[in-house]
Amino acid sequence: MRRLIYTFGVSMDGYVNDRDGSINWTDPDDELHQFHNDRYREIEISLHGRRLYELMAEYWPHVPEDAPPIQREFAALWTEKPKVVFSRTLTEVHWNSRLVSENAVEEVRRLKAEGDGVMEVGGAGIAASLMPHGLIDEYQLFVSPVVLGGGTPMFPSLDKRIQARLAETKHFDHVVMLRYVTD
């Protein structure tokens, strides 16, 4: 069965973006960017919510030729990677993406059962819809040294606790990765 990883940059107070929706405080240095590039290569399918897809689609397919090589590398990885985009409002998606407009939980269950590799979910909204159903196997938090005081929380309110164990920590110059796996 495929494993599903929820990966996101997060502020010290638990937000994935600020009150204006900006993630400009998560700008990775070269070491962290390379780590993300290498990690992204190992992922079979990337699951996106609408907002994250639109943010990524606005930038990565259009990276200028004079952008740093590490950014051009990720741009190629992102545009080529199979993606499933969950949205009730989008009518089309591009760059090796497939649109799903209904029943995200059932679609993710089906995708997990189809293989034995790794998928990632990006987008706090779509991840929040999957958490109560126990579909996320691993959480990778890239904690930045900033307190935003508001924005979109990485984790929703839940009726039931999710138990996890710390599997790995990794220190970068300005970010700490915490990797938790569920039992």
C-alpha atoms as a PDB file:
ATOM      1  CA  MET A   1       0.000   0.000   0.000  1.00  0.00           C
ATOM      2  CA  ARG A   2       1.283   3.473  -0.836  1.00  0.00           C
ATOM      3  CA  ARG A   3       2.310   5.717   2.030  1.00  0.00           C
ATOM      4  CA  LEU A   4       0.946   9.259   2.199  1.00  0.00           C
ATOM      5  CA  ILE A   5       3.156  12.047   3.554  1.00  0.00           C
ATOM      6  CA  TYR A   6       1.918  15.501   4.545  1.00  0.00           C
ATOM      7  CA  THR A   7       4.818  17.896   4.019  1.00  0.00           C
ATOM      8  CA  PHE A   8       4.747  21.613   4.670  1.00  0.00           C
ATOM      9  CA  GLY A   9       6.758  24.593   5.802  1.00  0.00           C
ATOM     10  CA  VAL A  10       5.263  25.811   9.050  1.00  0.00           C
ATOM     11  CA  SER A  11       5.814  28.757  11.381  1.00  0.00           C
ATOM     12  CA  MET A  12       6.724  28.241  15.033  1.00  0.00           C
ATOM     13  CA  ASP A  13       3.095  28.946  15.911  1.00  0.00           C
ATOM     14  CA  GLY A  14       1.745  26.361  13.453  1.00  0.00           C
ATOM     15  CA  TYR A  15       0.725  28.303  10.328  1.00  0.00           C
ATOM     16  CA  VAL A  16       1.504  27.351   6.714  1.00  0.00           C
ATOM     17  CA  ASN A  17       0.907  30.877   5.417  1.00  0.00           C
ATOM     18  CA  ASP A  18       0.356  34.299   6.913  1.00  0.00           C
ATOM     19  CA  ARG A  19      -2.909  36.241   7.167  1.00  0.00           C
ATOM     20  CA  ASP A  20      -2.483  37.464   3.588  1.00  0.00           C
ATOM     21  CA  GLY A  21      -1.862  33.944   2.266  1.00  0.00           C
ATOM     22  CA  SER A  22       1.836  34.625   1.704  1.00  0.00           C
ATOM     23  CA  ILE A  23       4.537  31.993   2.154  1.00  0.00           C
ATOM     24  CA  ASN A  24       7.435  34.369   1.447  1.00  0.00           C
ATOM     25  CA  TRP A  25       8.882  33.585   4.888  1.00  0.00           C
ATOM     26  CA  THR A  26       9.556  29.966   3.746  1.00  0.00           C
ATOM     27  CA  ASP A  27      12.095  30.858   1.034  1.00  0.00           C
ATOM     28  CA  PRO A  28      14.580  27.946   1.219  1.00  0.00           C
ATOM     29  CA  ASP A  29      18.338  28.322   1.002  1.00  0.00           C
ATOM     30  CA  ASP A  30      20.226  26.084  -1.449  1.00  0.00           C
ATOM     31  CA  GLU A  31      20.737  23.244   1.046  1.00  0.00           C
ATOM     32  CA  LEU A  32      17.041  23.037   1.921  1.00  0.00           C
ATOM     33  CA  HIS A  33      15.998  23.495  -1.710  1.00  0.00           C
ATOM     34  CA  GLN A  34      18.240  20.584  -2.759  1.00  0.00           C
ATOM     35  CA  PHE A  35      16.779  18.467   0.052  1.00  0.00           C
ATOM     36  CA  HIS A  36      13.271  19.192  -1.276  1.00  0.00           C
ATOM     37  CA  ASN A  37      14.359  18.422  -4.861  1.00  0.00           C
ATOM     38  CA  ASP A  38      15.842  15.075  -3.797  1.00  0.00           C
ATOM     39  CA  ARG A  39      12.788  14.217  -1.672  1.00  0.00           C
ATOM     40  CA  TYR A  40      10.413  15.150  -4.488  1.00  0.00           C
ATOM     41  CA  ARG A  41      12.156  12.724  -6.867  1.00  0.00           C
ATOM     42  CA  GLU A  42      11.145   9.823  -4.586  1.00  0.00           C
ATOM     43  CA  ILE A  43       7.451  10.715  -4.649  1.00  0.00           C
ATOM     44  CA  GLU A  44       5.245   8.885  -7.166  1.00  0.00           C
ATOM     45  CA  ILE A  45       2.204  11.158  -7.031  1.00  0.00           C
ATOM     46  CA  SER A  46       1.703  14.602  -5.571  1.00  0.00           C
ATOM     47  CA  LEU A  47      -1.751  15.497  -4.252  1.00  0.00           C
ATOM     48  CA  HIS A  48      -2.634  19.199  -4.304  1.00  0.00           C
ATOM     49  CA  GLY A  49      -5.511  21.258  -3.046  1.00  0.00           C
ATOM     50  CA  ARG A  50      -6.705  24.045  -5.330  1.00  0.00           C
ATOM     51  CA  ARG A  51      -4.897  26.907  -3.590  1.00  0.00           C
ATOM     52  CA  LEU A  52      -1.524  25.139  -3.520  1.00  0.00           C
ATOM     53  CA  TYR A  53      -1.911  23.997  -7.123  1.00  0.00           C
ATOM     54  CA  GLU A  54      -2.659  27.543  -8.272  1.00  0.00           C
ATOM     55  CA  LEU A  55       0.317  28.896  -6.313  1.00  0.00           C
ATOM     56  CA  MET A  56       2.677  26.279  -7.733  1.00  0.00           C
ATOM     57  CA  ALA A  57       1.275  26.562 -11.283  1.00  0.00           C
ATOM     58  CA  GLU A  58       1.715  30.315 -11.211  1.00  0.00           C
ATOM     59  CA  TYR A  59       5.475  30.040 -10.684  1.00  0.00           C
ATOM     60  CA  TRP A  60       7.145  26.691 -11.409  1.00  0.00           C
ATOM     61  CA  PRO A  61       6.176  26.120 -15.058  1.00  0.00           C
ATOM     62  CA  HIS A  62       7.389  29.651 -15.838  1.00  0.00           C
ATOM     63  CA  VAL A  63      10.770  29.774 -14.072  1.00  0.00           C
ATOM     64  CA  PRO A  64      13.053  32.042 -16.112  1.00  0.00           C
ATOM     65  CA  GLU A  65      16.018  30.514 -17.901  1.00  0.00           C
ATOM     66  CA  ASP A  66      18.365  32.643 -15.815  1.00  0.00           C
ATOM     67  CA  ALA A  67      16.941  31.294 -12.526  1.00  0.00           C
ATOM     68  CA  PRO A  68      19.397  29.383 -10.344  1.00  0.00           C
ATOM     69  CA  PRO A  69      19.940  25.762 -11.484  1.00  0.00           C
ATOM     70  CA  ILE A  70      18.388  24.404  -8.287  1.00  0.00           C
ATOM     71  CA  GLN A  71      15.127  26.225  -9.072  1.00  0.00           C
ATOM     72  CA  ARG A  72      15.132  25.111 -12.707  1.00  0.00           C
ATOM     73  CA  GLU A  73      15.663  21.545 -11.470  1.00  0.00           C
ATOM     74  CA  PHE A  74      12.603  21.730  -9.193  1.00  0.00           C
ATOM     75  CA  ALA A  75      10.553  23.362 -11.954  1.00  0.00           C
ATOM     76  CA  ALA A  76      11.245  20.373 -14.203  1.00  0.00           C
ATOM     77  CA  LEU A  77      10.467  17.936 -11.396  1.00  0.00           C
ATOM     78  CA  TRP A  78       7.187  19.660 -10.527  1.00  0.00           C
ATOM     79  CA  THR A  79       5.883  19.964 -14.083  1.00  0.00           C
ATOM     80  CA  GLU A  80       6.724  16.313 -14.880  1.00  0.00           C
ATOM     81  CA  LYS A  81       5.484  14.754 -11.609  1.00  0.00           C
ATOM     82  CA  PRO A  82       2.023  13.146 -11.783  1.00  0.00           C
ATOM     83  CA  LYS A  83      -0.345  15.269  -9.735  1.00  0.00           C
ATOM     84  CA  VAL A  84      -3.910  14.882  -8.563  1.00  0.00           C
ATOM     85  CA  VAL A  85      -5.612  18.206  -7.906  1.00  0.00           C
ATOM     86  CA  PHE A  86      -8.676  18.269  -5.662  1.00  0.00           C
ATOM     87  CA  SER A  87     -11.022  21.149  -6.404  1.00  0.00           C
ATOM     88  CA  ARG A  88     -14.714  21.785  -6.778  1.00  0.00           C
ATOM     89  CA  THR A  89     -14.129  25.067  -8.613  1.00  0.00           C
ATOM     90  CA  LEU A  90     -11.343  24.419 -11.142  1.00  0.00           C
ATOM     91  CA  THR A  91     -12.449  23.180 -14.543  1.00  0.00           C
ATOM     92  CA  GLU A  92      -9.028  22.190 -15.886  1.00  0.00           C
ATOM     93  CA  VAL A  93      -5.473  21.501 -14.749  1.00  0.00           C
ATOM     94  CA  HIS A  94      -2.174  21.192 -16.606  1.00  0.00           C
ATOM     95  CA  TRP A  95       1.377  19.898 -16.255  1.00  0.00           C
ATOM     96  CA  ASN A  96       0.760  16.186 -15.834  1.00  0.00           C
ATOM     97  CA  SER A  97      -2.173  16.797 -13.479  1.00  0.00           C
ATOM     98  CA  ARG A  98      -5.551  15.152 -13.111  1.00  0.00           C
ATOM     99  CA  LEU A  99      -8.561  16.945 -11.601  1.00  0.00           C
ATOM    100  CA  VAL A 100     -10.798  15.305  -8.987  1.00  0.00           C
ATOM    101  CA  SER A 101     -13.842  17.315  -7.961  1.00  0.00           C
ATOM    102  CA  GLU A 102     -15.654  14.900  -5.653  1.00  0.00           C
ATOM    103  CA  ASN A 103     -14.938  12.536  -2.770  1.00  0.00           C
ATOM    104  CA  ALA A 104     -11.263  13.172  -2.043  1.00  0.00           C
ATOM    105  CA  VAL A 105     -11.246  10.590   0.753  1.00  0.00           C
ATOM    106  CA  GLU A 106     -12.345   7.751  -1.546  1.00  0.00           C
ATOM    107  CA  GLU A 107      -9.921   8.837  -4.272  1.00  0.00           C
ATOM    108  CA  VAL A 108      -6.996   8.858  -1.823  1.00  0.00           C
ATOM    109  CA  ARG A 109      -8.005   5.437  -0.487  1.00  0.00           C
ATOM    110  CA  ARG A 110      -8.012   4.138  -4.055  1.00  0.00           C
ATOM    111  CA  LEU A 111      -4.620   5.695  -4.855  1.00  0.00           C
ATOM    112  CA  LYS A 112      -3.091   4.260  -1.687  1.00  0.00           C
ATOM    113  CA  ALA A 113      -4.363   0.772  -2.532  1.00  0.00           C
ATOM    114  CA  GLU A 114      -3.034   0.900  -6.130  1.00  0.00           C
ATOM    115  CA  GLY A 115       0.666   0.734  -5.331  1.00  0.00           C
ATOM    116  CA  ASP A 116       3.413   0.511  -2.772  1.00  0.00           C
ATOM    117  CA  GLY A 117       5.353   3.741  -3.306  1.00  0.00           C
ATOM    118  CA  VAL A 118       5.067   7.179  -1.737  1.00  0.00           C
ATOM    119  CA  MET A 119       2.588   9.997  -2.313  1.00  0.00           C
ATOM    120  CA  GLU A 120       2.614  13.438  -0.753  1.00  0.00           C
ATOM    121  CA  VAL A 121      -0.249  15.742   0.057  1.00  0.00           C
ATOM    122  CA  GLY A 122       0.279  19.474  -0.196  1.00  0.00           C
ATOM    123  CA  GLY A 123      -2.305  21.920   0.959  1.00  0.00           C
ATOM    124  CA  ALA A 124      -3.648  22.355   4.459  1.00  0.00           C
ATOM    125  CA  GLY A 125      -7.273  22.117   3.340  1.00  0.00           C
ATOM    126  CA  ILE A 126      -6.977  18.810   1.511  1.00  0.00           C
ATOM    127  CA  ALA A 127      -4.768  17.380   4.279  1.00  0.00           C
ATOM    128  CA  ALA A 128      -7.360  18.434   6.879  1.00  0.00           C
ATOM    129  CA  SER A 129     -10.026  16.459   5.010  1.00  0.00           C
ATOM    130  CA  LEU A 130      -7.835  13.316   5.022  1.00  0.00           C
ATOM    131  CA  MET A 131      -6.590  13.404   8.643  1.00  0.00           C
ATOM    132  CA  PRO A 132      -9.825  12.322  10.365  1.00  0.00           C
ATOM    133  CA  HIS A 133      -9.872   9.215   8.147  1.00  0.00           C
ATOM    134  CA  GLY A 134      -6.379   8.082   9.140  1.00  0.00           C
ATOM    135  CA  LEU A 135      -5.065   8.395   5.581  1.00  0.00           C
ATOM    136  CA  ILE A 136      -1.851  10.281   6.379  1.00  0.00           C
ATOM    137  CA  ASP A 137       1.020   7.988   7.331  1.00  0.00           C
ATOM    138  CA  GLU A 138       3.726  10.559   7.914  1.00  0.00           C
ATOM    139  CA  TYR A 139       4.036  14.239   8.759  1.00  0.00           C
ATOM    140  CA  GLN A 140       7.087  16.264   7.690  1.00  0.00           C
ATOM    141  CA  LEU A 141       7.149  19.704   9.269  1.00  0.00           C
ATOM    142  CA  PHE A 142       9.774  22.211   8.143  1.00  0.00           C
ATOM    143  CA  VAL A 143       9.647  24.661  11.050  1.00  0.00           C
ATOM    144  CA  SER A 144      10.810  28.213  10.286  1.00  0.00           C
ATOM    145  CA  PRO A 145      11.915  30.633  13.019  1.00  0.00           C
ATOM    146  CA  VAL A 146       8.977  32.995  12.630  1.00  0.00           C
ATOM    147  CA  VAL A 147       5.778  33.607  14.600  1.00  0.00           C
ATOM    148  CA  LEU A 148       3.024  34.717  12.238  1.00  0.00           C
ATOM    149  CA  GLY A 149       0.215  35.266  14.724  1.00  0.00           C
ATOM    150  CA  GLY A 150      -2.397  34.050  12.251  1.00  0.00           C
ATOM    151  CA  GLY A 151      -2.962  32.506   8.863  1.00  0.00           C
ATOM    152  CA  THR A 152      -3.866  28.995   7.770  1.00  0.00           C
ATOM    153  CA  PRO A 153      -3.094  26.419  10.470  1.00  0.00           C
ATOM    154  CA  MET A 154      -1.190  23.309   9.439  1.00  0.00           C
ATOM    155  CA  PHE A 155      -3.542  21.159  11.499  1.00  0.00           C
ATOM    156  CA  PRO A 156      -7.323  21.446  11.772  1.00  0.00           C
ATOM    157  CA  SER A 157      -9.408  20.954  14.869  1.00  0.00           C
ATOM    158  CA  LEU A 158     -10.006  17.226  15.208  1.00  0.00           C
ATOM    159  CA  ASP A 159     -12.516  15.153  17.134  1.00  0.00           C
ATOM    160  CA  LYS A 160      -9.930  12.459  17.799  1.00  0.00           C
ATOM    161  CA  ARG A 161      -6.223  12.588  18.574  1.00  0.00           C
ATOM    162  CA  ILE A 162      -3.681  11.407  16.007  1.00  0.00           C
ATOM    163  CA  GLN A 163      -0.848   9.529  17.667  1.00  0.00           C
ATOM    164  CA  ALA A 164       2.571   9.695  16.007  1.00  0.00           C
ATOM    165  CA  ARG A 165       6.186   9.049  16.907  1.00  0.00           C
ATOM    166  CA  LEU A 166       9.199  11.141  16.058  1.00  0.00           C
ATOM    167  CA  ALA A 167      11.187   9.280  13.385  1.00  0.00           C
ATOM    168  CA  GLU A 168      13.761  11.885  12.358  1.00  0.00           C
ATOM    169  CA  THR A 169      15.005  15.407  12.865  1.00  0.00           C
ATOM    170  CA  LYS A 170      17.215  17.317  10.483  1.00  0.00           C
ATOM    171  CA  HIS A 171      18.740  20.729  11.044  1.00  0.00           C
ATOM    172  CA  PHE A 172      19.231  23.195   8.220  1.00  0.00           C
ATOM    173  CA  ASP A 173      20.654  26.708   8.582  1.00  0.00           C
ATOM    174  CA  HIS A 174      17.280  28.345   9.293  1.00  0.00           C
ATOM    175  CA  VAL A 175      14.801  25.461   9.428  1.00  0.00           C
ATOM    176  CA  VAL A 176      14.336  22.275  11.428  1.00  0.00           C
ATOM    177  CA  MET A 177      12.620  19.284   9.850  1.00  0.00           C
ATOM    178  CA  LEU A 178      10.556  17.109  12.185  1.00  0.00           C
ATOM    179  CA  ARG A 179       9.414  13.824  10.667  1.00  0.00           C
ATOM    180  CA  TYR A 180       6.654  11.937  12.471  1.00  0.00           C
ATOM    181  CA  VAL A 181       5.089   8.622  11.509  1.00  0.00           C
ATOM    182  CA  THR A 182       1.700   7.369  12.608  1.00  0.00           C
ATOM    183  CA  ASP A 183       1.241   3.874  14.012  1.00  0.00           C
END
